Amino acid sequence: MAKGKGIVQLTGTLQGLTFYLLDGKQVVRTAGGGFNGEAIKTKASMVRVRENSSEFKECMQAVATFKQMLQPYLQLLKDGKLHQRLVRVFTQLKAFDPISARGQRTIAKGLTTAIGRDLLRGYVLTQNGSLQSLLQQAYTFDEQIGFQVPHFNATPLFMGTVASQMELVLRYVLVDANGEFSFVQSEKVVLERSFSGEIEIAVPVLPDYDSCIVVAIGRFFQEINGSFYTISKGVMEVVEVMG
């Protein structure tokens, strides 16, 4: 492999040589070599490559669908690494599939295991803070009962902000045995700046499912001319897996 030092930098293949950039520097190598599509599809030595490719494709599809299930709460986030982080954790989750052979392991079956559920529980999709840092008060979540904050005082959370109200909601992302995703959302709880008391978000009626990811969303809104807008600066919106 040779490195170019000239001013002109080429990319592509020319007269048997392939030119490309590596870490900002031009590199030249002999064209050809590596894997080709037919070899990957047919050669026995490529079986592990085929297995990894199949599982990676399933993982990418699962991540894309999972994000789609939460799209209203993710569309305003400016996090270019969220997809990459989810691919990493979903790849780990897939590896916990206790039933399927390599090449056929799925996210859905990984979620049916205790270790798979523990991997996702508490996973924060928003990087600017957890639900605990947003609420600043103790809360409980029970998969049968729902979400509760026994003694909630909203006033300290609004101090020093332009927020007019806060919203809390649970979204249940359901996965069936075939890996198909759907969701059911709880009732929204909207709190004004002066709210004080108990918060309860009950579990909604859920259809049959093979596994479920419960996601809690907390976010602040600012009222401008009678309309409410999400505030994204600071710890003002949190999307976190509860269970």
Protein backbone atom coordinates (compact mmCIF):
# COMPACT_ATOMS: atom_id res chain seq x y z
CA MET A 1 0.00 0.00 0.00
CA ALA A 2 1.41 3.38 -1.07
CA LYS A 3 0.62 6.88 0.14
CA GLY A 4 0.30 9.83 -2.22
CA LYS A 5 2.03 13.14 -1.50
CA GLY A 6 0.85 15.19 -4.47
CA ILE A 7 -1.54 18.12 -4.46
CA VAL A 8 -4.12 16.31 -6.63
CA GLN A 9 -6.00 13.60 -4.73
CA LEU A 10 -7.80 10.91 -6.72
CA THR A 11 -10.52 8.49 -5.67
CA GLY A 12 -11.54 5.40 -7.61
CA THR A 13 -9.75 2.80 -9.75
CA LEU A 14 -7.39 3.70 -12.59
CA GLN A 15 -5.20 1.31 -14.61
CA GLY A 16 -5.29 -1.43 -12.00
CA LEU A 17 -4.74 0.89 -9.04
CA THR A 18 -7.38 1.93 -6.47
CA PHE A 19 -7.10 5.42 -4.97
CA TYR A 20 -8.93 6.31 -1.76
CA LEU A 21 -8.63 8.54 1.33
CA LEU A 22 -7.68 7.11 4.71
CA ASP A 23 -7.59 9.48 7.70
CA GLY A 24 -7.40 12.43 5.31
CA LYS A 25 -4.44 11.02 3.33
CA GLN A 26 -4.52 9.51 -0.13
CA VAL A 27 -3.73 5.79 -0.24
CA VAL A 28 -3.06 3.67 -3.32
CA ARG A 29 -3.30 -0.10 -3.58
CA THR A 30 -3.59 -2.70 -6.30
CA ALA A 31 -7.18 -3.06 -7.46
CA GLY A 32 -9.07 -6.29 -6.82
CA GLY A 33 -8.80 -8.75 -3.97
CA GLY A 34 -11.09 -8.87 -0.94
CA PHE A 35 -14.45 -10.55 -0.88
CA ASN A 36 -16.83 -10.66 -3.81
CA GLY A 37 -20.57 -11.17 -3.66
CA GLU A 38 -20.59 -14.66 -5.15
CA ALA A 39 -17.94 -15.90 -2.72
CA ILE A 40 -19.85 -14.55 0.26
CA LYS A 41 -23.04 -16.24 -0.91
CA THR A 42 -21.57 -19.67 -1.70
CA LYS A 43 -18.21 -20.41 -0.07
CA ALA A 44 -18.22 -22.51 3.09
CA SER A 45 -15.51 -20.33 4.59
CA MET A 46 -17.87 -17.36 4.35
CA VAL A 47 -20.64 -18.90 6.47
CA ARG A 48 -19.85 -16.69 9.48
CA VAL A 49 -19.90 -13.61 7.24
CA ARG A 50 -23.35 -14.63 5.96
CA GLU A 51 -24.60 -15.18 9.52
CA ASN A 52 -23.33 -11.81 10.72
CA SER A 53 -24.75 -10.05 7.68
CA SER A 54 -28.20 -11.58 8.19
CA GLU A 55 -28.31 -10.66 11.88
CA PHE A 56 -26.96 -7.17 11.27
CA LYS A 57 -29.70 -6.54 8.70
CA GLU A 58 -32.36 -7.65 11.21
CA CYS A 59 -30.80 -5.46 13.88
CA MET A 60 -30.76 -2.38 11.63
CA GLN A 61 -34.41 -2.92 10.73
CA ALA A 62 -35.34 -3.30 14.40
CA VAL A 63 -33.52 -0.08 15.35
CA ALA A 64 -35.20 1.86 12.55
CA THR A 65 -38.64 0.57 13.55
CA PHE A 66 -38.03 1.21 17.25
CA LYS A 67 -37.11 4.83 16.49
CA GLN A 68 -40.23 5.12 14.35
CA MET A 69 -42.34 4.00 17.32
CA LEU A 70 -40.92 6.96 19.28
CA GLN A 71 -40.68 9.44 16.42
CA PRO A 72 -42.82 12.24 17.94
CA TYR A 73 -40.41 12.39 20.88
CA LEU A 74 -37.16 11.95 18.94
CA GLN A 75 -37.71 14.21 15.93
CA LEU A 76 -36.54 17.37 17.70
CA LEU A 77 -33.39 15.81 19.16
CA LYS A 78 -30.10 16.85 17.58
CA ASP A 79 -28.21 13.66 18.32
CA GLY A 80 -26.29 12.34 15.33
CA LYS A 81 -25.06 9.33 17.31
CA LEU A 82 -28.42 8.03 18.58
CA HIS A 83 -28.79 5.52 15.74
CA GLN A 84 -25.25 4.27 16.27
CA ARG A 85 -25.81 3.87 20.02
CA LEU A 86 -29.05 1.97 19.48
CA VAL A 87 -27.43 -0.34 16.94
CA ARG A 88 -24.76 -1.16 19.51
CA VAL A 89 -27.23 -2.00 22.28
CA PHE A 90 -29.62 -3.88 19.97
CA THR A 91 -26.71 -5.95 18.66
CA GLN A 92 -25.95 -6.97 22.25
CA LEU A 93 -29.63 -7.68 22.83
CA LYS A 94 -29.83 -9.95 19.80
CA ALA A 95 -26.92 -12.02 21.10
CA PHE A 96 -29.03 -13.00 24.15
CA ASP A 97 -31.52 -14.91 21.95
CA PRO A 98 -31.48 -18.33 23.70
CA ILE A 99 -33.34 -20.28 21.00
CA SER A 100 -32.23 -19.39 17.48
CA ALA A 101 -29.10 -20.55 15.69
CA ARG A 102 -26.43 -18.06 14.66
CA GLY A 103 -27.59 -16.07 11.69
CA GLN A 104 -31.21 -16.27 12.84
CA ARG A 105 -31.05 -14.61 16.27
CA THR A 106 -33.52 -11.76 16.78
CA ILE A 107 -34.12 -8.74 19.00
CA ALA A 108 -37.57 -10.03 19.97
CA LYS A 109 -36.23 -13.27 21.43
CA GLY A 110 -33.36 -11.47 23.15
CA LEU A 111 -35.95 -9.34 24.93
CA THR A 112 -37.60 -12.43 26.43
CA THR A 113 -34.54 -13.08 28.62
CA ALA A 114 -33.83 -11.49 32.00
CA ILE A 115 -30.36 -10.37 30.90
CA GLY A 116 -31.84 -8.79 27.77
CA ARG A 117 -34.43 -6.85 29.77
CA ASP A 118 -31.75 -5.72 32.24
CA LEU A 119 -29.67 -4.41 29.34
CA LEU A 120 -32.42 -2.02 28.24
CA ARG A 121 -33.92 -1.11 31.61
CA GLY A 122 -32.79 2.42 32.46
CA TYR A 123 -31.38 3.05 28.99
CA VAL A 124 -31.57 6.79 28.24
CA LEU A 125 -32.08 7.75 24.60
CA THR A 126 -31.58 11.45 25.31
CA GLN A 127 -28.04 12.25 26.36
CA ASN A 128 -28.71 15.42 28.34
CA GLY A 129 -30.03 13.70 31.46
CA SER A 130 -32.16 10.94 32.95
CA LEU A 131 -35.77 11.05 34.13
CA GLN A 132 -34.46 11.31 37.69
CA SER A 133 -32.47 14.42 36.81
CA LEU A 134 -35.53 15.87 35.09
CA LEU A 135 -37.98 15.24 37.95
CA GLN A 136 -35.47 15.68 40.80
CA GLN A 137 -37.79 13.61 43.01
CA ALA A 138 -38.26 9.92 43.79
CA TYR A 139 -40.61 7.92 41.58
CA THR A 140 -41.57 4.27 41.16
CA PHE A 141 -42.42 2.16 38.15
CA ASP A 142 -44.20 -1.18 38.35
CA GLU A 143 -44.99 -3.18 35.21
CA GLN A 144 -48.42 -4.08 36.62
CA ILE A 145 -49.35 -0.78 38.27
CA GLY A 146 -47.58 1.88 36.23
CA PHE A 147 -45.67 5.05 37.09
CA GLN A 148 -46.07 6.93 40.39
CA VAL A 149 -44.61 9.95 42.15
CA PRO A 150 -46.17 10.06 45.64
CA HIS A 151 -45.25 13.61 46.65
CA PHE A 152 -44.48 15.80 43.67
CA ASN A 153 -43.75 19.51 43.82
CA ALA A 154 -43.37 21.04 40.37
CA THR A 155 -42.35 24.55 41.41
CA PRO A 156 -38.56 23.94 41.85
CA LEU A 157 -38.35 22.35 38.39
CA PHE A 158 -39.61 25.49 36.67
CA MET A 159 -37.37 27.94 38.51
CA GLY A 160 -34.95 29.72 36.18
CA THR A 161 -36.72 28.43 33.04
CA VAL A 162 -39.21 29.87 30.54
CA ALA A 163 -41.27 26.67 30.71
CA SER A 164 -45.02 26.94 31.19
CA GLN A 165 -45.88 23.28 31.76
CA MET A 166 -44.43 19.77 31.85
CA GLU A 167 -45.74 16.58 30.24
CA LEU A 168 -45.23 12.98 31.36
CA VAL A 169 -46.32 9.94 29.34
CA LEU A 170 -45.49 6.24 28.93
CA ARG A 171 -45.24 4.61 25.52
CA TYR A 172 -45.38 0.80 25.39
CA VAL A 173 -43.45 -0.53 22.39
CA LEU A 174 -44.76 -4.05 21.76
CA VAL A 175 -42.90 -6.73 19.85
CA ASP A 176 -44.65 -9.91 18.72
CA ALA A 177 -43.12 -13.34 18.10
CA ASN A 178 -42.41 -12.42 14.46
CA GLY A 179 -40.50 -9.30 15.44
CA GLU A 180 -43.26 -6.92 14.34
CA PHE A 181 -43.45 -3.65 16.32
CA SER A 182 -46.49 -1.69 17.49
CA PHE A 183 -47.15 0.70 20.37
CA VAL A 184 -49.79 1.72 22.90
CA GLN A 185 -49.54 5.00 24.79
CA SER A 186 -50.75 5.88 28.27
CA GLU A 187 -52.76 8.93 29.17
CA LYS A 188 -50.65 12.08 29.20
CA VAL A 189 -50.14 13.92 32.48
CA VAL A 190 -49.73 17.69 32.02
CA LEU A 191 -48.45 19.64 35.03
CA GLU A 192 -48.54 23.38 35.52
CA ARG A 193 -45.76 25.32 37.27
CA SER A 194 -47.65 25.41 40.59
CA PHE A 195 -48.66 21.72 40.69
CA SER A 196 -48.22 19.86 43.97
CA GLY A 197 -49.55 16.39 44.74
CA GLU A 198 -49.45 12.77 43.58
CA ILE A 199 -48.75 11.67 40.00
CA GLU A 200 -50.14 8.39 38.68
CA ILE A 201 -49.86 7.02 35.15
CA ALA A 202 -51.74 3.74 34.88
CA VAL A 203 -50.83 0.89 32.53
CA PRO A 204 -53.03 1.17 29.40
CA VAL A 205 -54.93 -1.79 27.97
CA LEU A 206 -52.39 -3.79 26.00
CA PRO A 207 -52.98 -6.35 23.23
CA ASP A 208 -51.16 -9.68 23.21
CA TYR A 209 -47.42 -9.36 22.74
CA ASP A 210 -44.25 -11.42 22.99
CA SER A 211 -42.12 -8.73 24.61
CA CYS A 212 -42.50 -5.08 25.53
CA ILE A 213 -40.27 -2.03 25.99
CA VAL A 214 -41.81 0.61 28.26
CA VAL A 215 -40.47 4.08 27.50
CA ALA A 216 -41.10 7.10 29.74
CA ILE A 217 -41.07 10.58 28.22
CA GLY A 218 -40.83 13.77 30.23
CA ARG A 219 -40.58 17.16 28.57
CA PHE A 220 -41.17 20.85 29.19
CA PHE A 221 -43.17 23.25 27.04
CA GLN A 222 -43.12 27.00 26.64
CA GLU A 223 -46.32 28.88 25.79
CA ILE A 224 -45.95 31.50 23.08
CA ASN A 225 -49.02 33.35 21.82
CA GLY A 226 -51.32 30.55 22.94
CA SER A 227 -49.27 27.72 21.39
CA PHE A 228 -46.95 25.34 23.23
CA TYR A 229 -43.44 24.50 22.02
CA THR A 230 -41.04 21.84 23.29
CA ILE A 231 -37.93 23.14 25.05
CA SER A 232 -34.86 21.13 24.08
CA LYS A 233 -32.02 23.03 25.76
CA GLY A 234 -30.65 21.57 29.00
CA VAL A 235 -32.41 18.75 30.82
CA MET A 236 -35.83 19.71 29.44
CA GLU A 237 -36.71 16.53 27.55
CA VAL A 238 -35.93 12.94 28.54
CA VAL A 239 -36.73 9.67 26.78
CA GLU A 240 -35.79 6.70 28.99
CA VAL A 241 -36.60 2.97 29.04
CA MET A 242 -38.44 2.13 32.27
CA GLY A 243 -38.83 -1.59 31.82
